[in-house]
Amino acid sequence: MQPHYYKDDVSQDDSNKENDLAREVELPPSREPPWKHFPHWKRWLAIVVAAIAGGLLIITLFVQPVQSAYSVMPSYLSLNGQQVAQVQVTATQKLDLLNVKVTLYDKDHRPTNDTIQCFIKSGDTLIFQGDVVKFAPWMNSLGLYSGYKLTSIIGCYSNSNDRDPRALLIPNNGEDPFFTQLQGRPWVFSTAEAHYSKPFSLQPAQLKVSQQTEIYKVYTSQTGLYAVLSK
């Protein structure tokens, strides 16, 4: 009578069951990046479309501010010694009261029709304040140059009977939206930036004789305004 080895028979049965389970269970396919499932030409098409969209976005962000600059920069004057205004100060028949006439100049070095008539007391000071917009030198090739715009005159009052040394006059329609926006958000890499100019103080001579007149010519510079007495 032959002996039976039950232990070996059980091991063989277990091995057969494991093989059956392995055949029944399917392993999940390996995961690949989604772009590998696209045909080659579709991948390149997606890249080209993305590049065009990015380029259009950059052009839009650049072109719109440049167009705004073109629209306002004609009202700005060169920073290299261009005449901003002529200030004519004349004595009146009233004691210590001076008549002031400010004539503004345009970028073509010509006087404009925009004139200011006001009064100051003898010994008072006129303060000129303006806006400065600066462009990177390479932008000159696009027709955009740094410039100065006179936007306020302080200390000259329009009513001779109401002497207010803090009176404010606003020539050139004051600040423009382009300056205001650029001041808060300079262009990338400082290609364009805006800031207030250094205040310029002009104290006319104390004229005593009625109808005696002095004329000052106010010019721009890289560091601010300056005046020259011409009469």
Protein backbone atom coordinates (compact mmCIF):
# COMPACT_ATOMS: atom_id res chain seq x y z
CA MET A 1 0.00 0.00 0.00
CA GLN A 2 1.51 3.31 -1.19
CA PRO A 3 1.70 6.24 1.28
CA HIS A 4 -0.07 9.51 0.37
CA TYR A 5 1.76 12.84 0.78
CA TYR A 6 -1.06 15.30 1.35
CA LYS A 7 1.27 18.23 1.98
CA ASP A 8 2.70 18.19 -1.54
CA ASP A 9 -0.73 17.83 -3.09
CA VAL A 10 -2.01 20.91 -1.21
CA SER A 11 0.97 23.01 -2.32
CA GLN A 12 0.36 22.09 -5.95
CA ASP A 13 -3.32 22.99 -5.67
CA ASP A 14 -2.44 26.38 -4.12
CA SER A 15 -0.03 27.09 -6.97
CA ASN A 16 -2.68 26.33 -9.57
CA LYS A 17 -5.17 28.68 -7.82
CA GLU A 18 -2.63 31.55 -7.80
CA ASN A 19 -2.02 31.09 -11.53
CA ASP A 20 -5.76 31.17 -12.18
CA LEU A 21 -6.16 34.39 -10.15
CA ALA A 22 -3.27 36.03 -12.02
CA ARG A 23 -4.99 35.26 -15.33
CA GLU A 24 -8.30 36.67 -14.12
CA VAL A 25 -6.86 39.96 -12.76
CA GLU A 26 -5.85 42.41 -15.51
CA LEU A 27 -3.17 44.90 -14.62
CA PRO A 28 -4.03 48.58 -15.42
CA PRO A 29 -2.26 49.97 -18.47
CA SER A 30 0.71 52.24 -17.82
CA ARG A 31 -0.21 55.91 -17.64
CA GLU A 32 1.42 58.29 -20.12
CA PRO A 33 1.24 62.10 -20.37
CA PRO A 34 -1.94 63.19 -22.24
CA TRP A 35 0.05 65.00 -24.94
CA LYS A 36 1.62 61.68 -26.03
CA HIS A 37 -1.81 60.49 -27.14
CA PHE A 38 -2.08 63.38 -29.64
CA PRO A 39 -0.72 62.94 -33.14
CA HIS A 40 2.52 64.74 -33.86
CA TRP A 41 0.93 67.44 -36.04
CA LYS A 42 -1.71 68.21 -33.41
CA ARG A 43 0.95 68.86 -30.79
CA TRP A 44 2.68 71.34 -33.07
CA LEU A 45 -0.65 73.00 -33.90
CA ALA A 46 -1.35 73.49 -30.19
CA ILE A 47 2.09 75.03 -29.69
CA VAL A 48 1.60 77.42 -32.63
CA VAL A 49 -1.87 78.48 -31.42
CA ALA A 50 -0.54 79.12 -27.89
CA ALA A 51 2.35 81.18 -29.29
CA ILE A 52 0.00 83.28 -31.43
CA ALA A 53 -2.37 83.87 -28.51
CA GLY A 54 0.54 84.93 -26.28
CA GLY A 55 1.88 87.23 -28.96
CA LEU A 56 -1.52 88.88 -29.45
CA LEU A 57 -1.83 89.41 -25.70
CA ILE A 58 1.59 91.07 -25.51
CA ILE A 59 0.80 93.27 -28.51
CA THR A 60 -2.51 94.32 -26.95
CA LEU A 61 -0.86 95.21 -23.64
CA PHE A 62 1.85 97.18 -25.45
CA VAL A 63 -0.07 98.83 -28.28
CA GLN A 64 -2.85 100.33 -26.19
CA PRO A 65 -0.52 102.30 -23.86
CA VAL A 66 1.58 103.42 -26.83
CA GLN A 67 -1.51 104.72 -28.60
CA SER A 68 -2.47 106.64 -25.45
CA ALA A 69 1.03 108.12 -25.34
CA TYR A 70 0.77 109.27 -28.97
CA SER A 71 -2.50 111.05 -28.19
CA VAL A 72 -1.18 113.17 -25.28
CA MET A 73 2.54 113.68 -25.90
CA PRO A 74 1.99 116.58 -28.36
CA SER A 75 1.02 118.65 -25.29
CA TYR A 76 4.39 117.93 -23.64
CA LEU A 77 7.50 120.01 -24.26
CA SER A 78 11.08 118.83 -24.71
CA LEU A 79 13.23 118.73 -21.57
CA ASN A 80 16.14 120.33 -23.40
CA GLY A 81 15.70 124.07 -22.89
CA GLN A 82 12.32 124.57 -24.55
CA GLN A 83 10.30 127.62 -23.57
CA VAL A 84 7.31 126.77 -21.40
CA ALA A 85 5.87 130.21 -20.80
CA GLN A 86 6.41 133.93 -20.85
CA VAL A 87 5.52 135.71 -17.62
CA GLN A 88 4.83 139.42 -17.94
CA VAL A 89 4.63 141.31 -14.64
CA THR A 90 3.30 144.87 -14.66
CA ALA A 91 2.83 147.33 -11.80
CA THR A 92 -0.68 148.69 -11.31
CA GLN A 93 -2.01 151.89 -9.82
CA LYS A 94 -2.81 150.04 -6.63
CA LEU A 95 -0.01 149.98 -4.10
CA ASP A 96 1.98 146.71 -4.17
CA LEU A 97 -0.45 145.08 -6.62
CA LEU A 98 1.10 143.51 -9.70
CA ASN A 99 -0.67 142.31 -12.82
CA VAL A 100 0.60 138.99 -14.20
CA LYS A 101 0.09 137.70 -17.71
CA VAL A 102 1.26 134.14 -18.41
CA THR A 103 1.49 133.10 -22.06
CA LEU A 104 1.96 129.39 -22.68
CA TYR A 105 4.11 127.99 -25.51
CA ASP A 106 3.59 124.85 -27.58
CA LYS A 107 6.03 122.16 -28.70
CA ASP A 108 6.71 124.12 -31.90
CA HIS A 109 8.10 127.05 -29.87
CA ARG A 110 5.12 129.24 -30.63
CA PRO A 111 2.89 131.13 -28.15
CA THR A 112 -0.57 129.65 -27.81
CA ASN A 113 -3.93 131.32 -27.33
CA ASP A 114 -3.98 129.91 -23.81
CA THR A 115 -3.09 132.89 -21.62
CA ILE A 116 -3.62 133.52 -17.92
CA GLN A 117 -4.39 136.89 -16.37
CA CYS A 118 -4.00 137.15 -12.61
CA PHE A 119 -2.60 139.26 -9.77
CA ILE A 120 0.02 138.98 -7.08
CA LYS A 121 1.17 141.20 -4.28
CA SER A 122 4.62 142.73 -4.53
CA GLY A 123 7.07 140.30 -2.95
CA ASP A 124 4.86 137.24 -3.55
CA THR A 125 6.20 134.11 -5.17
CA LEU A 126 4.76 132.24 -8.14
CA ILE A 127 5.16 128.47 -8.02
CA PHE A 128 5.10 126.46 -11.24
CA GLN A 129 4.36 122.75 -11.04
CA GLY A 130 4.23 120.26 -13.88
CA ASP A 131 4.23 116.65 -14.99
CA VAL A 132 7.20 114.81 -16.48
CA VAL A 133 6.93 111.72 -18.67
CA LYS A 134 10.17 109.89 -19.54
CA PHE A 135 10.68 107.23 -22.19
CA ALA A 136 13.64 104.93 -22.70
CA PRO A 137 15.97 106.33 -25.43
CA TRP A 138 15.23 103.46 -27.81
CA MET A 139 11.58 104.52 -27.87
CA ASN A 140 12.59 107.74 -29.65
CA SER A 141 12.62 105.62 -32.81
CA LEU A 142 8.86 105.14 -32.26
CA GLY A 143 8.36 108.90 -32.05
CA LEU A 144 8.01 108.99 -28.25
CA TYR A 145 10.22 111.51 -26.45
CA SER A 146 10.45 112.54 -22.81
CA GLY A 147 8.58 115.74 -22.04
CA TYR A 148 7.26 118.31 -19.57
CA LYS A 149 3.74 119.68 -19.19
CA LEU A 150 2.86 122.69 -17.02
CA THR A 151 -0.23 121.76 -15.00
CA SER A 152 -0.50 124.26 -12.13
CA ILE A 153 0.49 127.76 -11.05
CA ILE A 154 0.19 128.56 -7.36
CA GLY A 155 0.07 132.04 -5.81
CA CYS A 156 -1.60 134.06 -8.57
CA TYR A 157 -5.23 135.02 -7.88
CA SER A 158 -7.77 136.08 -10.49
CA ASN A 159 -9.61 138.59 -8.26
CA SER A 160 -7.50 141.61 -7.34
CA ASN A 161 -9.70 142.22 -4.29
CA ASP A 162 -9.28 138.70 -2.97
CA ARG A 163 -5.57 138.17 -2.39
CA ASP A 164 -4.94 134.49 -1.82
CA PRO A 165 -1.28 133.40 -1.98
CA ARG A 166 -2.47 129.78 -2.16
CA ALA A 167 -4.70 130.35 -5.20
CA LEU A 168 -4.39 127.61 -7.77
CA LEU A 169 -4.57 128.01 -11.55
CA ILE A 170 -4.65 124.99 -13.84
CA PRO A 171 -3.20 125.49 -17.34
CA ASN A 172 -3.19 122.87 -20.13
CA ASN A 173 -6.33 121.28 -18.67
CA GLY A 174 -4.28 119.88 -15.79
CA GLU A 175 -3.16 116.27 -15.58
CA ASP A 176 -4.16 113.90 -18.35
CA PRO A 177 -5.33 110.29 -17.77
CA PHE A 178 -2.21 108.91 -19.45
CA PHE A 179 0.09 110.59 -16.89
CA THR A 180 -2.09 109.49 -13.98
CA GLN A 181 -2.14 105.87 -15.13
CA LEU A 182 1.56 105.78 -15.97
CA GLN A 183 2.50 107.28 -12.60
CA GLY A 184 0.88 104.37 -10.80
CA ARG A 185 2.01 101.65 -13.22
CA PRO A 186 5.33 102.29 -15.02
CA TRP A 187 5.94 100.29 -18.17
CA VAL A 188 7.99 97.12 -17.95
CA PHE A 189 11.78 97.56 -17.69
CA SER A 190 11.21 101.31 -17.08
CA THR A 191 10.58 101.95 -20.77
CA ALA A 192 8.21 104.70 -19.63
CA GLU A 193 7.59 106.37 -16.29
CA ALA A 194 5.89 109.50 -14.95
CA HIS A 195 6.50 111.79 -11.98
CA TYR A 196 5.82 115.31 -10.77
CA SER A 197 8.40 117.93 -11.63
CA LYS A 198 10.34 119.77 -9.00
CA PRO A 199 8.38 122.94 -8.06
CA PHE A 200 9.86 126.09 -9.58
CA SER A 201 9.57 129.38 -7.65
CA LEU A 202 9.60 132.73 -9.41
CA GLN A 203 9.67 135.91 -7.34
CA PRO A 204 9.27 138.97 -9.58
CA ALA A 205 11.05 142.18 -8.71
CA GLN A 206 9.16 144.70 -6.61
CA LEU A 207 7.91 147.14 -9.22
CA LYS A 208 6.94 150.55 -7.83
CA VAL A 209 6.12 152.68 -10.85
CA SER A 210 2.73 152.25 -12.52
CA GLN A 211 2.99 150.46 -15.88
CA GLN A 212 6.58 149.42 -15.23
CA THR A 213 6.98 145.93 -16.71
CA GLU A 214 9.32 142.98 -16.46
CA ILE A 215 9.20 139.90 -18.65
CA TYR A 216 10.49 136.47 -17.65
CA LYS A 217 10.92 133.54 -20.00
CA VAL A 218 10.57 130.13 -18.39
CA TYR A 219 12.44 127.15 -19.89
CA THR A 220 12.66 123.42 -19.32
CA SER A 221 15.77 121.44 -18.38
CA GLN A 222 16.62 117.90 -17.35
CA THR A 223 16.57 118.99 -13.68
CA GLY A 224 13.57 121.33 -13.69
CA LEU A 225 12.43 124.77 -14.84
CA TYR A 226 14.46 127.96 -14.85
CA ALA A 227 13.65 131.57 -15.79
CA VAL A 228 15.52 134.27 -17.68
CA LEU A 229 14.71 137.97 -17.24
CA SER A 230 14.38 139.39 -20.73
CA LYS A 231 13.26 142.95 -19.88
